[in-house]
Every structure is written in C-alpha cells, then in structure tokens.
Amino acid sequence: AAVAAAEGPCDILGAAGNPCVAAHSTVRALYSAFDGPLYNVTRASDGKSASIGVLAPGGFADIAAHQAFCPDLDCVISNVFDQSPNKNHLGQRHKLVNASRHKISVGSGVEVYGMWFDPGYGYHVDQTTGIATGNDPESIYAVMSGTHYNGGCCFDYGNSETNDRDDGCGTMEAIYFGNAHWRGNTGAGKGGPWAGADLEQGMYYGGGAQTKVNNQSLPLTTDFVSLNLKGRTDGFTIKGGDATQGKFTTMYDGPRPDPKIAGTCGKTGTYQPMRKQGAIILATGGDNSNSAEGNFYEGFMATGYASDATDDAVQANIVAVGYKMLP
C-alpha cells in the first residue's frame, strides 16, 4: 500500500493535545492528510534540485521520482521539509548526505530512502517557530538504527542552541543515540547503544542519582529503533524500543542530571530549570560537533509532555510502518 496507516503520529499527538511543531522524514508523511514534499535532492552534475513528495496523501515517499531525478546516484539531500505548519525545514550545517545511499523497505515492500550519516555530516535550522524554549515541556520522537552508531558527539535530533555554540548546561534538549561515555556516563553494560538525552555539556542516560550510571537503560540493537525524549518542568523521561514490534520501554523517568555527579556545568550551571533555545539539529551537536554516525528515518517534536497512552499509540503507529532492511 502507498499509505502507512489511516492516521499519522502527528494526528495522534494533535488529538491528544500535543500538536507537532516539527515533523521530518524522508520515508513517509507524518500526518494522514499531508501531500507536500518530504525532502529536496540536489544533483552534483548540474546543481539542479527537485522536491520528492509522497505516493498518496499520508503515504510513503515517491522513490520513482527520486530515482528518475538522480539516476547517477550523485544527489544529496539538501533539505528535509517540516511537514508541520511551522515550516521548520532542516538545511545544511555540515556535509549533506548522499540521497541514494540507504534504501530500505516499508509497508508491503515499498522501497524508500533513509538518511545514512557518516561523521562530518549534519543538518539544522536555527530560526524556528513553535519549538519549546526556556523550561517549557516538549515531547520528541525519532526512528534511528541500532546497528549504525558510534560514541562520537553527537547523533542528535531535537532542541538546540540558536547560535550554534555551547551556551551551557540546560540549553539543549535533544534525543541522543549511540554509545558515548561522556565523563563516564553509561547505560546498562558497556557496549550500548542507548537512548539518551543531549542536554548540553553532556549526553545522559539518566538523571538524579542515576546521572552517571543508569542500569535501567537497556541497549537497543535492532535494525530500527524508536526513541522518545520528554522534558517536563521538573524532570525528563527517556523511552526506547524496537521500531518494528512491541512497546516502548521506559529507560529513565525522574529529575534532571545532577551537575555535581556529572562533573560539568562549572560552579553555577544547572539542568534545572532548563534554558532551551528552540533551534533544531539532526546528526550533530549543539556546539557544531560532527563526529557522530547513525541513520535517521523520521523525527517529530510536539508541544507539552505527552501521556504514556499517547506514547504507546505513537509507537504502535511506527511499528505499523513495517520498517525493513533490504538484503
């Protein structure tokens, strides 16, 4: 089928009172009625660009249009369009990924392209509309891969600084995925990868007494992983799971990291309250770091702290996509 489901994750979030304020994917529409462009490709041969849309409203990406425009496999993804009304489109920060490198399957054998990031690649948008700032709550979701990652800084998707610099603890709130051991921080075991939070001056798998070591945070090693980071006014929640089956597992739910345990933030810095700035980053750190690697298929950011029931519905919607790696 050309359509993943009768509703998209942003329909679910909107109905729950947590409207999406940014929605990015090269794979599918994230609203049931969305029929605009998902991403833009630019050819190396002549510098021309084309927007790649969906097969049907609410559907999967039109791979035929992509391949017709990029027959020599020399295109890059120059933009990932925001499907929300806010037009928070992602553009170049570092190198742009090859548009035709990473083909996958969704639905009943529909082929689409994901984004394959090596170190040195990344996207962002600094001037945004509707993204949480200060200590305002927000909910962030993404689908990445548990088989392509490293410990470099930082394979992120979410809220970041608007000036591309490290503005101190609490100025970011982005999903981090990988096996970084920033200042010794770790999830269960040693290998990872783990669902985490980049809150600036640290990628964390927990907070409070679990700031340094969180054995609740289990490695996520499947081909496709679903990730969830939610910030509330007095703490945060990290969830993760297999994007092809099952439910989210809560990896952490509690207070924000303790700077004394973290060994960062200087003498007066803190993660509570937050000082979010509202830019959006993908596959890069808030301070322009670009040594991470990973895959990105979809991500969306919503207003407010979504309920567990809403998270479960979003995860079920992701599972229904039918993500599969090709042989």
C-alpha atoms as a PDB file:
ATOM      1  CA  ALA A   1       0.000   0.000   0.000  1.00  0.00           C
ATOM      2  CA  ALA A   2       1.075   3.570  -0.637  1.00  0.00           C
ATOM      3  CA  VAL A   3      -0.078   4.685   2.828  1.00  0.00           C
ATOM      4  CA  ALA A   4       1.307   3.526   6.186  1.00  0.00           C
ATOM      5  CA  ALA A   5      -1.858   3.943   8.272  1.00  0.00           C
ATOM      6  CA  ALA A   6      -5.147   5.793   8.470  1.00  0.00           C
ATOM      7  CA  GLU A   7      -3.518   8.340  10.756  1.00  0.00           C
ATOM      8  CA  GLY A   8      -0.001   9.576  11.248  1.00  0.00           C
ATOM      9  CA  PRO A   9       1.850  10.109  14.518  1.00  0.00           C
ATOM     10  CA  CYS A  10       1.221  13.845  14.344  1.00  0.00           C
ATOM     11  CA  ASP A  11      -2.516  13.188  14.055  1.00  0.00           C
ATOM     12  CA  ILE A  12      -2.285  11.098  17.230  1.00  0.00           C
ATOM     13  CA  LEU A  13      -0.317  13.764  19.071  1.00  0.00           C
ATOM     14  CA  GLY A  14      -2.597  16.558  17.883  1.00  0.00           C
ATOM     15  CA  ALA A  15      -5.727  14.719  19.045  1.00  0.00           C
ATOM     16  CA  ALA A  16      -4.092  14.221  22.444  1.00  0.00           C
ATOM     17  CA  GLY A  17      -3.470  17.966  22.843  1.00  0.00           C
ATOM     18  CA  ASN A  18       0.226  17.783  21.932  1.00  0.00           C
ATOM     19  CA  PRO A  19       0.411  19.166  18.381  1.00  0.00           C
ATOM     20  CA  CYS A  20       3.551  18.544  16.350  1.00  0.00           C
ATOM     21  CA  VAL A  21       5.622  21.694  15.946  1.00  0.00           C
ATOM     22  CA  ALA A  22       8.169  19.988  13.674  1.00  0.00           C
ATOM     23  CA  ALA A  23       7.921  16.772  11.640  1.00  0.00           C
ATOM     24  CA  HIS A  24      10.735  15.439   9.438  1.00  0.00           C
ATOM     25  CA  SER A  25      11.033  12.239   7.409  1.00  0.00           C
ATOM     26  CA  THR A  26      12.404  11.028   4.089  1.00  0.00           C
ATOM     27  CA  VAL A  27      10.279   7.878   4.461  1.00  0.00           C
ATOM     28  CA  ARG A  28       6.658   8.902   4.935  1.00  0.00           C
ATOM     29  CA  ALA A  29       4.068  11.538   5.647  1.00  0.00           C
ATOM     30  CA  LEU A  30       3.624  12.054   9.381  1.00  0.00           C
ATOM     31  CA  TYR A  31       0.065  13.404   9.011  1.00  0.00           C
ATOM     32  CA  SER A  32      -2.719  11.491   7.262  1.00  0.00           C
ATOM     33  CA  ALA A  33      -3.554  14.468   5.042  1.00  0.00           C
ATOM     34  CA  PHE A  34      -0.007  15.546   4.192  1.00  0.00           C
ATOM     35  CA  ASP A  35       0.657  15.538   0.452  1.00  0.00           C
ATOM     36  CA  GLY A  36       3.530  18.006   0.147  1.00  0.00           C
ATOM     37  CA  PRO A  37       7.269  17.470  -0.379  1.00  0.00           C
ATOM     38  CA  LEU A  38       9.181  15.342   2.137  1.00  0.00           C
ATOM     39  CA  TYR A  39      12.696  16.321   1.105  1.00  0.00           C
ATOM     40  CA  ASN A  40      14.754  18.059  -1.534  1.00  0.00           C
ATOM     41  CA  VAL A  41      17.513  16.460  -3.593  1.00  0.00           C
ATOM     42  CA  THR A  42      20.292  18.316  -5.419  1.00  0.00           C
ATOM     43  CA  ARG A  43      22.367  16.815  -8.260  1.00  0.00           C
ATOM     44  CA  ALA A  44      26.132  17.183  -8.282  1.00  0.00           C
ATOM     45  CA  SER A  45      26.260  17.063 -12.092  1.00  0.00           C
ATOM     46  CA  ASP A  46      24.350  20.282 -12.760  1.00  0.00           C
ATOM     47  CA  GLY A  47      23.348  21.704  -9.356  1.00  0.00           C
ATOM     48  CA  LYS A  48      19.648  21.344 -10.081  1.00  0.00           C
ATOM     49  CA  SER A  49      17.208  20.384  -7.349  1.00  0.00           C
ATOM     50  CA  ALA A  50      13.871  18.578  -7.083  1.00  0.00           C
ATOM     51  CA  SER A  51      11.421  18.044  -4.270  1.00  0.00           C
ATOM     52  CA  ILE A  52      10.369  14.474  -3.522  1.00  0.00           C
ATOM     53  CA  GLY A  53       6.782  14.012  -2.403  1.00  0.00           C
ATOM     54  CA  VAL A  54       4.503  11.153  -1.381  1.00  0.00           C
ATOM     55  CA  LEU A  55       2.735   8.424  -3.358  1.00  0.00           C
ATOM     56  CA  ALA A  56      -0.607   9.472  -1.874  1.00  0.00           C
ATOM     57  CA  PRO A  57      -1.777  11.814   0.904  1.00  0.00           C
ATOM     58  CA  GLY A  58      -0.441  10.436   4.175  1.00  0.00           C
ATOM     59  CA  GLY A  59       1.725   7.988   2.243  1.00  0.00           C
ATOM     60  CA  PHE A  60       5.250   6.836   1.636  1.00  0.00           C
ATOM     61  CA  ALA A  61       7.921   8.702  -0.314  1.00  0.00           C
ATOM     62  CA  ASP A  62       7.822   8.599  -4.118  1.00  0.00           C
ATOM     63  CA  ILE A  63      11.021   6.691  -4.837  1.00  0.00           C
ATOM     64  CA  ALA A  64      10.364   6.680  -8.590  1.00  0.00           C
ATOM     65  CA  ALA A  65      10.589  10.482  -8.685  1.00  0.00           C
ATOM     66  CA  HIS A  66      13.777  10.348  -6.627  1.00  0.00           C
ATOM     67  CA  GLN A  67      15.432   7.768  -8.880  1.00  0.00           C
ATOM     68  CA  ALA A  68      14.339   9.480 -12.084  1.00  0.00           C
ATOM     69  CA  PHE A  69      15.996  12.719 -10.959  1.00  0.00           C
ATOM     70  CA  CYS A  70      19.096  11.021  -9.501  1.00  0.00           C
ATOM     71  CA  PRO A  71      19.929   8.218 -11.978  1.00  0.00           C
ATOM     72  CA  ASP A  72      23.667   8.628 -11.451  1.00  0.00           C
ATOM     73  CA  LEU A  73      23.358   8.376  -7.640  1.00  0.00           C
ATOM     74  CA  ASP A  74      25.069  11.758  -7.314  1.00  0.00           C
ATOM     75  CA  CYS A  75      22.329  13.625  -5.416  1.00  0.00           C
ATOM     76  CA  VAL A  76      22.489  14.905  -1.870  1.00  0.00           C
ATOM     77  CA  ILE A  77      19.550  15.581   0.417  1.00  0.00           C
ATOM     78  CA  SER A  78      19.705  19.357   0.628  1.00  0.00           C
ATOM     79  CA  ASN A  79      16.628  19.839   2.824  1.00  0.00           C
ATOM     80  CA  VAL A  80      14.284  17.744   4.932  1.00  0.00           C
ATOM     81  CA  PHE A  81      10.996  19.615   4.929  1.00  0.00           C
ATOM     82  CA  ASP A  82       8.947  20.232   8.040  1.00  0.00           C
ATOM     83  CA  GLN A  83       5.524  18.715   7.493  1.00  0.00           C
ATOM     84  CA  SER A  84       4.014  20.744  10.331  1.00  0.00           C
ATOM     85  CA  PRO A  85       2.528  24.177   9.549  1.00  0.00           C
ATOM     86  CA  ASN A  86       5.576  25.826  11.139  1.00  0.00           C
ATOM     87  CA  LYS A  87       7.954  25.392   8.190  1.00  0.00           C
ATOM     88  CA  ASN A  88      10.915  24.441  10.392  1.00  0.00           C
ATOM     89  CA  HIS A  89      12.774  22.927   7.438  1.00  0.00           C
ATOM     90  CA  LEU A  90      16.166  21.317   8.065  1.00  0.00           C
ATOM     91  CA  GLY A  91      19.053  22.532   5.941  1.00  0.00           C
ATOM     92  CA  GLN A  92      22.805  22.215   5.714  1.00  0.00           C
ATOM     93  CA  ARG A  93      25.045  22.567   8.727  1.00  0.00           C
ATOM     94  CA  HIS A  94      27.880  20.182   7.787  1.00  0.00           C
ATOM     95  CA  LYS A  95      28.208  17.914   4.763  1.00  0.00           C
ATOM     96  CA  LEU A  96      24.967  16.732   3.122  1.00  0.00           C
ATOM     97  CA  VAL A  97      24.188  13.012   2.940  1.00  0.00           C
ATOM     98  CA  ASN A  98      24.046  11.088  -0.323  1.00  0.00           C
ATOM     99  CA  ALA A  99      20.368  10.818  -1.176  1.00  0.00           C
ATOM    100  CA  SER A 100      20.572   7.350  -2.723  1.00  0.00           C
ATOM    101  CA  ARG A 101      22.927   5.505  -0.376  1.00  0.00           C
ATOM    102  CA  HIS A 102      20.461   3.901   2.029  1.00  0.00           C
ATOM    103  CA  LYS A 103      17.437   2.190   0.503  1.00  0.00           C
ATOM    104  CA  ILE A 104      15.039   0.364   2.829  1.00  0.00           C
ATOM    105  CA  SER A 105      11.599  -1.231   2.653  1.00  0.00           C
ATOM    106  CA  VAL A 106       8.351  -0.206   4.341  1.00  0.00           C
ATOM    107  CA  GLY A 107       4.757  -1.425   4.179  1.00  0.00           C
ATOM    108  CA  SER A 108       4.192  -4.302   1.791  1.00  0.00           C
ATOM    109  CA  GLY A 109       7.527  -3.996   0.015  1.00  0.00           C
ATOM    110  CA  VAL A 110       7.504  -0.272  -0.811  1.00  0.00           C
ATOM    111  CA  GLU A 111      11.083   0.960  -1.228  1.00  0.00           C
ATOM    112  CA  VAL A 112      12.151   4.356   0.143  1.00  0.00           C
ATOM    113  CA  TYR A 113      15.374   6.064   1.194  1.00  0.00           C
ATOM    114  CA  GLY A 114      16.542   6.714   4.731  1.00  0.00           C
ATOM    115  CA  MET A 115      19.412   9.019   5.681  1.00  0.00           C
ATOM    116  CA  TRP A 116      22.831   7.434   6.274  1.00  0.00           C
ATOM    117  CA  PHE A 117      25.202   9.656   8.246  1.00  0.00           C
ATOM    118  CA  ASP A 118      28.948   9.194   8.489  1.00  0.00           C
ATOM    119  CA  PRO A 119      30.980  11.509  10.746  1.00  0.00           C
ATOM    120  CA  GLY A 120      31.134  15.015   9.318  1.00  0.00           C
ATOM    121  CA  TYR A 121      27.507  15.276   8.162  1.00  0.00           C
ATOM    122  CA  GLY A 122      24.617  17.167   9.741  1.00  0.00           C
ATOM    123  CA  TYR A 123      21.556  19.413   9.386  1.00  0.00           C
ATOM    124  CA  HIS A 124      19.884  22.144  11.402  1.00  0.00           C
ATOM    125  CA  VAL A 125      17.528  25.112  11.474  1.00  0.00           C
ATOM    126  CA  ASP A 126      18.267  27.958  13.896  1.00  0.00           C
ATOM    127  CA  GLN A 127      15.299  30.255  13.371  1.00  0.00           C
ATOM    128  CA  THR A 128      12.171  28.294  14.200  1.00  0.00           C
ATOM    129  CA  THR A 129       8.507  28.698  15.038  1.00  0.00           C
ATOM    130  CA  GLY A 130       6.657  26.956  17.849  1.00  0.00           C
ATOM    131  CA  ILE A 131       9.565  24.992  19.362  1.00  0.00           C
ATOM    132  CA  ALA A 132       9.777  24.880  23.173  1.00  0.00           C
ATOM    133  CA  THR A 133      12.008  27.447  24.859  1.00  0.00           C
ATOM    134  CA  GLY A 134      13.104  28.017  28.449  1.00  0.00           C
ATOM    135  CA  ASN A 135      11.670  25.384  30.785  1.00  0.00           C
ATOM    136  CA  ASP A 136       8.600  24.685  28.625  1.00  0.00           C
ATOM    137  CA  PRO A 137       7.701  20.988  28.298  1.00  0.00           C
ATOM    138  CA  GLU A 138       8.072  19.134  24.995  1.00  0.00           C
ATOM    139  CA  SER A 139       7.939  15.605  23.568  1.00  0.00           C
ATOM    140  CA  ILE A 140      10.381  14.379  20.904  1.00  0.00           C
ATOM    141  CA  TYR A 141      10.290  11.116  18.929  1.00  0.00           C
ATOM    142  CA  ALA A 142      12.619   9.574  16.335  1.00  0.00           C
ATOM    143  CA  VAL A 143      13.390   6.379  14.432  1.00  0.00           C
ATOM    144  CA  MET A 144      17.104   5.588  14.083  1.00  0.00           C
ATOM    145  CA  SER A 145      19.176   2.385  13.773  1.00  0.00           C
ATOM    146  CA  GLY A 146      20.679   0.169  16.471  1.00  0.00           C
ATOM    147  CA  THR A 147      23.256  -1.208  14.044  1.00  0.00           C
ATOM    148  CA  HIS A 148      24.903   2.014  12.828  1.00  0.00           C
ATOM    149  CA  TYR A 149      26.241   4.221  15.619  1.00  0.00           C
ATOM    150  CA  ASN A 150      29.386   5.296  17.457  1.00  0.00           C
ATOM    151  CA  GLY A 151      30.438   7.157  20.577  1.00  0.00           C
ATOM    152  CA  GLY A 152      31.187  10.451  18.859  1.00  0.00           C
ATOM    153  CA  CYS A 153      29.382  13.697  19.522  1.00  0.00           C
ATOM    154  CA  CYS A 154      26.586  13.691  18.777  1.00  0.00           C
ATOM    155  CA  PHE A 155      23.918  11.761  16.894  1.00  0.00           C
ATOM    156  CA  ASP A 156      21.068  14.018  17.984  1.00  0.00           C
ATOM    157  CA  TYR A 157      17.585  15.047  16.939  1.00  0.00           C
ATOM    158  CA  GLY A 158      15.826  17.802  18.814  1.00  0.00           C
ATOM    159  CA  ASN A 159      16.068  21.158  20.543  1.00  0.00           C
ATOM    160  CA  SER A 160      19.354  23.065  20.425  1.00  0.00           C
ATOM    161  CA  GLU A 161      21.045  26.454  20.598  1.00  0.00           C
ATOM    162  CA  THR A 162      20.149  29.106  18.049  1.00  0.00           C
ATOM    163  CA  ASN A 163      23.738  30.381  17.767  1.00  0.00           C
ATOM    164  CA  ASP A 164      25.461  27.022  17.063  1.00  0.00           C
ATOM    165  CA  ARG A 165      27.564  27.359  20.228  1.00  0.00           C
ATOM    166  CA  ASP A 166      27.750  25.692  23.635  1.00  0.00           C
ATOM    167  CA  ASP A 167      25.673  28.055  25.755  1.00  0.00           C
ATOM    168  CA  GLY A 168      25.910  25.982  28.906  1.00  0.00           C
ATOM    169  CA  CYS A 169      24.049  23.237  30.704  1.00  0.00           C
ATOM    170  CA  GLY A 170      20.326  23.076  30.004  1.00  0.00           C
ATOM    171  CA  THR A 171      20.385  24.965  26.688  1.00  0.00           C
ATOM    172  CA  MET A 172      19.626  21.797  24.691  1.00  0.00           C
ATOM    173  CA  GLU A 173      17.064  19.013  24.887  1.00  0.00           C
ATOM    174  CA  ALA A 174      17.629  16.527  22.078  1.00  0.00           C
ATOM    175  CA  ILE A 175      17.378  12.781  21.631  1.00  0.00           C
ATOM    176  CA  TYR A 176      20.877  11.318  21.642  1.00  0.00           C
ATOM    177  CA  PHE A 177      21.519   7.795  20.327  1.00  0.00           C
ATOM    178  CA  GLY A 178      24.837   5.977  20.457  1.00  0.00           C
ATOM    179  CA  ASN A 179      27.290   4.560  22.967  1.00  0.00           C
ATOM    180  CA  ALA A 180      29.093   7.678  24.144  1.00  0.00           C
ATOM    181  CA  HIS A 181      30.537   7.541  27.667  1.00  0.00           C
ATOM    182  CA  TRP A 182      30.725  11.298  28.235  1.00  0.00           C
ATOM    183  CA  ARG A 183      32.560  11.740  31.559  1.00  0.00           C
ATOM    184  CA  GLY A 184      31.853   8.078  32.274  1.00  0.00           C
ATOM    185  CA  ASN A 185      28.083   8.221  31.718  1.00  0.00           C
ATOM    186  CA  THR A 186      26.661   4.836  30.750  1.00  0.00           C
ATOM    187  CA  GLY A 187      23.580   2.718  30.374  1.00  0.00           C
ATOM    188  CA  ALA A 188      23.455  -0.991  31.233  1.00  0.00           C
ATOM    189  CA  GLY A 189      26.581  -2.883  30.163  1.00  0.00           C
ATOM    190  CA  LYS A 190      29.410  -1.320  28.229  1.00  0.00           C
ATOM    191  CA  GLY A 191      28.539  -1.632  24.552  1.00  0.00           C
ATOM    192  CA  GLY A 192      25.214   0.107  24.035  1.00  0.00           C
ATOM    193  CA  PRO A 193      23.860   1.768  22.029  1.00  0.00           C
ATOM    194  CA  TRP A 194      21.469   3.526  24.394  1.00  0.00           C
ATOM    195  CA  ALA A 195      18.636   6.026  24.169  1.00  0.00           C
ATOM    196  CA  GLY A 196      19.848   9.231  25.738  1.00  0.00           C
ATOM    197  CA  ALA A 197      19.389  12.951  26.095  1.00  0.00           C
ATOM    198  CA  ASP A 198      21.835  15.625  24.976  1.00  0.00           C
ATOM    199  CA  LEU A 199      21.196  18.476  27.413  1.00  0.00           C
ATOM    200  CA  GLU A 200      24.421  20.352  26.534  1.00  0.00           C
ATOM    201  CA  GLN A 201      27.756  19.669  28.198  1.00  0.00           C
ATOM    202  CA  GLY A 202      26.709  16.056  28.470  1.00  0.00           C
ATOM    203  CA  MET A 203      24.863  13.159  26.866  1.00  0.00           C
ATOM    204  CA  TYR A 204      22.913  11.444  29.632  1.00  0.00           C
ATOM    205  CA  TYR A 205      21.099   8.128  30.031  1.00  0.00           C
ATOM    206  CA  GLY A 206      19.557   9.212  33.331  1.00  0.00           C
ATOM    207  CA  GLY A 207      19.487  11.930  35.957  1.00  0.00           C
ATOM    208  CA  GLY A 208      19.378  12.430  39.712  1.00  0.00           C
ATOM    209  CA  ALA A 209      21.160   9.541  41.423  1.00  0.00           C
ATOM    210  CA  GLN A 210      21.393   7.829  38.003  1.00  0.00           C
ATOM    211  CA  THR A 211      23.211  10.735  36.344  1.00  0.00           C
ATOM    212  CA  LYS A 212      26.401   8.733  35.844  1.00  0.00           C
ATOM    213  CA  VAL A 213      25.204   5.113  35.685  1.00  0.00           C
ATOM    214  CA  ASN A 214      21.682   4.040  34.724  1.00  0.00           C
ATOM    215  CA  ASN A 215      21.327   0.274  34.613  1.00  0.00           C
ATOM    216  CA  GLN A 216      17.653   0.689  33.687  1.00  0.00           C
ATOM    217  CA  SER A 217      18.775   1.918  30.269  1.00  0.00           C
ATOM    218  CA  LEU A 218      18.989  -1.204  28.136  1.00  0.00           C
ATOM    219  CA  PRO A 219      20.929  -1.388  24.852  1.00  0.00           C
ATOM    220  CA  LEU A 220      18.827  -1.035  21.679  1.00  0.00           C
ATOM    221  CA  THR A 221      20.446  -3.132  18.972  1.00  0.00           C
ATOM    222  CA  THR A 222      17.716  -3.842  16.420  1.00  0.00           C
ATOM    223  CA  ASP A 223      17.892  -2.614  12.822  1.00  0.00           C
ATOM    224  CA  PHE A 224      15.334   0.098  13.574  1.00  0.00           C
ATOM    225  CA  VAL A 225      14.877   1.685  16.988  1.00  0.00           C
ATOM    226  CA  SER A 226      12.151   4.034  18.168  1.00  0.00           C
ATOM    227  CA  LEU A 227      13.172   6.729  20.635  1.00  0.00           C
ATOM    228  CA  ASN A 228      11.307   9.174  22.868  1.00  0.00           C
ATOM    229  CA  LEU A 229      12.554  12.057  24.991  1.00  0.00           C
ATOM    230  CA  LYS A 230      10.096  14.116  27.015  1.00  0.00           C
ATOM    231  CA  GLY A 231      11.018  17.149  29.085  1.00  0.00           C
ATOM    232  CA  ARG A 232       8.660  18.393  31.778  1.00  0.00           C
ATOM    233  CA  THR A 233       9.119  21.390  34.040  1.00  0.00           C
ATOM    234  CA  ASP A 234      10.711  19.329  36.838  1.00  0.00           C
ATOM    235  CA  GLY A 235      12.419  16.411  35.071  1.00  0.00           C
ATOM    236  CA  PHE A 236      12.585  14.243  31.968  1.00  0.00           C
ATOM    237  CA  THR A 237      11.740  10.815  30.555  1.00  0.00           C
ATOM    238  CA  ILE A 238      13.652   8.622  28.107  1.00  0.00           C
ATOM    239  CA  LYS A 239      11.984   5.704  26.314  1.00  0.00           C
ATOM    240  CA  GLY A 240      13.145   3.344  23.606  1.00  0.00           C
ATOM    241  CA  GLY A 241      12.099   0.247  21.721  1.00  0.00           C
ATOM    242  CA  ASP A 242      12.163  -1.819  18.566  1.00  0.00           C
ATOM    243  CA  ALA A 243      10.567   0.225  15.789  1.00  0.00           C
ATOM    244  CA  THR A 244       9.212  -2.951  14.172  1.00  0.00           C
ATOM    245  CA  GLN A 245       7.438  -4.615  17.111  1.00  0.00           C
ATOM    246  CA  GLY A 246       6.430  -4.278  20.749  1.00  0.00           C
ATOM    247  CA  LYS A 247       6.077  -1.275  23.000  1.00  0.00           C
ATOM    248  CA  PHE A 248       8.312   1.439  24.372  1.00  0.00           C
ATOM    249  CA  THR A 249      10.408   0.610  27.423  1.00  0.00           C
ATOM    250  CA  THR A 250      10.931   3.421  29.927  1.00  0.00           C
ATOM    251  CA  MET A 251      14.686   3.745  30.308  1.00  0.00           C
ATOM    252  CA  TYR A 252      14.527   6.669  32.750  1.00  0.00           C
ATOM    253  CA  ASP A 253      11.895   8.875  34.385  1.00  0.00           C
ATOM    254  CA  GLY A 254      12.921  11.337  37.063  1.00  0.00           C
ATOM    255  CA  PRO A 255      14.845  14.504  37.869  1.00  0.00           C
ATOM    256  CA  ARG A 256      17.363  16.028  35.513  1.00  0.00           C
ATOM    257  CA  PRO A 257      21.101  15.317  35.793  1.00  0.00           C
ATOM    258  CA  ASP A 258      22.895  16.425  38.947  1.00  0.00           C
ATOM    259  CA  PRO A 259      25.828  18.665  37.915  1.00  0.00           C
ATOM    260  CA  LYS A 260      27.814  17.594  40.988  1.00  0.00           C
ATOM    261  CA  ILE A 261      27.596  13.953  39.923  1.00  0.00           C
ATOM    262  CA  ALA A 262      28.056  14.849  36.259  1.00  0.00           C
ATOM    263  CA  GLY A 263      31.214  16.821  36.952  1.00  0.00           C
ATOM    264  CA  THR A 264      30.219  19.520  34.487  1.00  0.00           C
ATOM    265  CA  CYS A 265      28.335  22.857  34.339  1.00  0.00           C
ATOM    266  CA  GLY A 266      31.033  24.823  36.197  1.00  0.00           C
ATOM    267  CA  LYS A 267      30.271  26.387  39.585  1.00  0.00           C
ATOM    268  CA  THR A 268      26.802  27.763  38.895  1.00  0.00           C
ATOM    269  CA  GLY A 269      25.456  25.847  35.886  1.00  0.00           C
ATOM    270  CA  THR A 270      22.379  23.652  36.216  1.00  0.00           C
ATOM    271  CA  TYR A 271      19.970  21.471  34.251  1.00  0.00           C
ATOM    272  CA  GLN A 272      17.012  22.588  36.353  1.00  0.00           C
ATOM    273  CA  PRO A 273      15.345  24.762  35.232  1.00  0.00           C
ATOM    274  CA  MET A 274      16.134  24.282  31.554  1.00  0.00           C
ATOM    275  CA  ARG A 275      17.104  27.150  29.233  1.00  0.00           C
ATOM    276  CA  LYS A 276      16.057  25.693  25.887  1.00  0.00           C
ATOM    277  CA  GLN A 277      16.539  27.942  22.856  1.00  0.00           C
ATOM    278  CA  GLY A 278      14.381  26.249  20.205  1.00  0.00           C
ATOM    279  CA  ALA A 279      16.693  25.522  17.267  1.00  0.00           C
ATOM    280  CA  ILE A 280      16.533  22.013  15.743  1.00  0.00           C
ATOM    281  CA  ILE A 281      19.510  19.769  14.972  1.00  0.00           C
ATOM    282  CA  LEU A 282      19.936  16.424  13.217  1.00  0.00           C
ATOM    283  CA  ALA A 283      23.068  14.226  13.483  1.00  0.00           C
ATOM    284  CA  THR A 284      25.167  16.994  15.018  1.00  0.00           C
ATOM    285  CA  GLY A 285      25.830  18.509  18.438  1.00  0.00           C
ATOM    286  CA  GLY A 286      24.616  21.856  19.685  1.00  0.00           C
ATOM    287  CA  ASP A 287      28.141  23.264  19.523  1.00  0.00           C
ATOM    288  CA  ASN A 288      28.661  22.139  15.894  1.00  0.00           C
ATOM    289  CA  SER A 289      30.366  18.867  16.856  1.00  0.00           C
ATOM    290  CA  ASN A 290      30.091  16.419  13.966  1.00  0.00           C
ATOM    291  CA  SER A 291      31.941  13.205  14.822  1.00  0.00           C
ATOM    292  CA  ALA A 292      28.851  11.002  15.212  1.00  0.00           C
ATOM    293  CA  GLU A 293      27.339   8.486  12.807  1.00  0.00           C
ATOM    294  CA  GLY A 294      23.929   6.890  12.500  1.00  0.00           C
ATOM    295  CA  ASN A 295      20.739   6.543  10.454  1.00  0.00           C
ATOM    296  CA  PHE A 296      17.628   8.715  10.526  1.00  0.00           C
ATOM    297  CA  TYR A 297      14.215   7.795   9.164  1.00  0.00           C
ATOM    298  CA  GLU A 298      11.709  10.063  10.911  1.00  0.00           C
ATOM    299  CA  GLY A 299      11.518  12.502  13.797  1.00  0.00           C
ATOM    300  CA  PHE A 300       8.908  14.834  15.212  1.00  0.00           C
ATOM    301  CA  MET A 301       8.626  17.302  18.062  1.00  0.00           C
ATOM    302  CA  ALA A 302       5.413  18.109  19.925  1.00  0.00           C
ATOM    303  CA  THR A 303       4.224  20.698  22.419  1.00  0.00           C
ATOM    304  CA  GLY A 304       3.835  19.639  26.045  1.00  0.00           C
ATOM    305  CA  TYR A 305       4.555  16.437  27.948  1.00  0.00           C
ATOM    306  CA  ALA A 306       2.647  13.645  26.204  1.00  0.00           C
ATOM    307  CA  SER A 307       0.940  10.919  28.230  1.00  0.00           C
ATOM    308  CA  ASP A 308       2.107   7.309  28.343  1.00  0.00           C
ATOM    309  CA  ALA A 309      -1.016   6.329  26.399  1.00  0.00           C
ATOM    310  CA  THR A 310      -0.090   8.796  23.662  1.00  0.00           C
ATOM    311  CA  ASP A 311       3.475   7.457  23.550  1.00  0.00           C
ATOM    312  CA  ASP A 312       2.102   3.918  23.199  1.00  0.00           C
ATOM    313  CA  ALA A 313      -0.137   4.997  20.317  1.00  0.00           C
ATOM    314  CA  VAL A 314       2.795   6.698  18.576  1.00  0.00           C
ATOM    315  CA  GLN A 315       4.943   3.577  18.982  1.00  0.00           C
ATOM    316  CA  ALA A 316       2.146   1.398  17.546  1.00  0.00           C
ATOM    317  CA  ASN A 317       1.921   3.775  14.593  1.00  0.00           C
ATOM    318  CA  ILE A 318       5.672   3.480  13.989  1.00  0.00           C
ATOM    319  CA  VAL A 319       5.510  -0.319  14.181  1.00  0.00           C
ATOM    320  CA  ALA A 320       2.716  -0.276  11.573  1.00  0.00           C
ATOM    321  CA  VAL A 321       5.108   1.339   9.070  1.00  0.00           C
ATOM    322  CA  GLY A 322       6.775  -2.041   8.620  1.00  0.00           C
ATOM    323  CA  TYR A 323      10.397  -0.909   8.542  1.00  0.00           C
ATOM    324  CA  LYS A 324      12.751  -3.495   6.990  1.00  0.00           C
ATOM    325  CA  MET A 325      16.366  -3.502   5.865  1.00  0.00           C
ATOM    326  CA  LEU A 326      16.964  -4.709   2.333  1.00  0.00           C
ATOM    327  CA  PRO A 327      19.362  -7.646   1.769  1.00  0.00           C
END
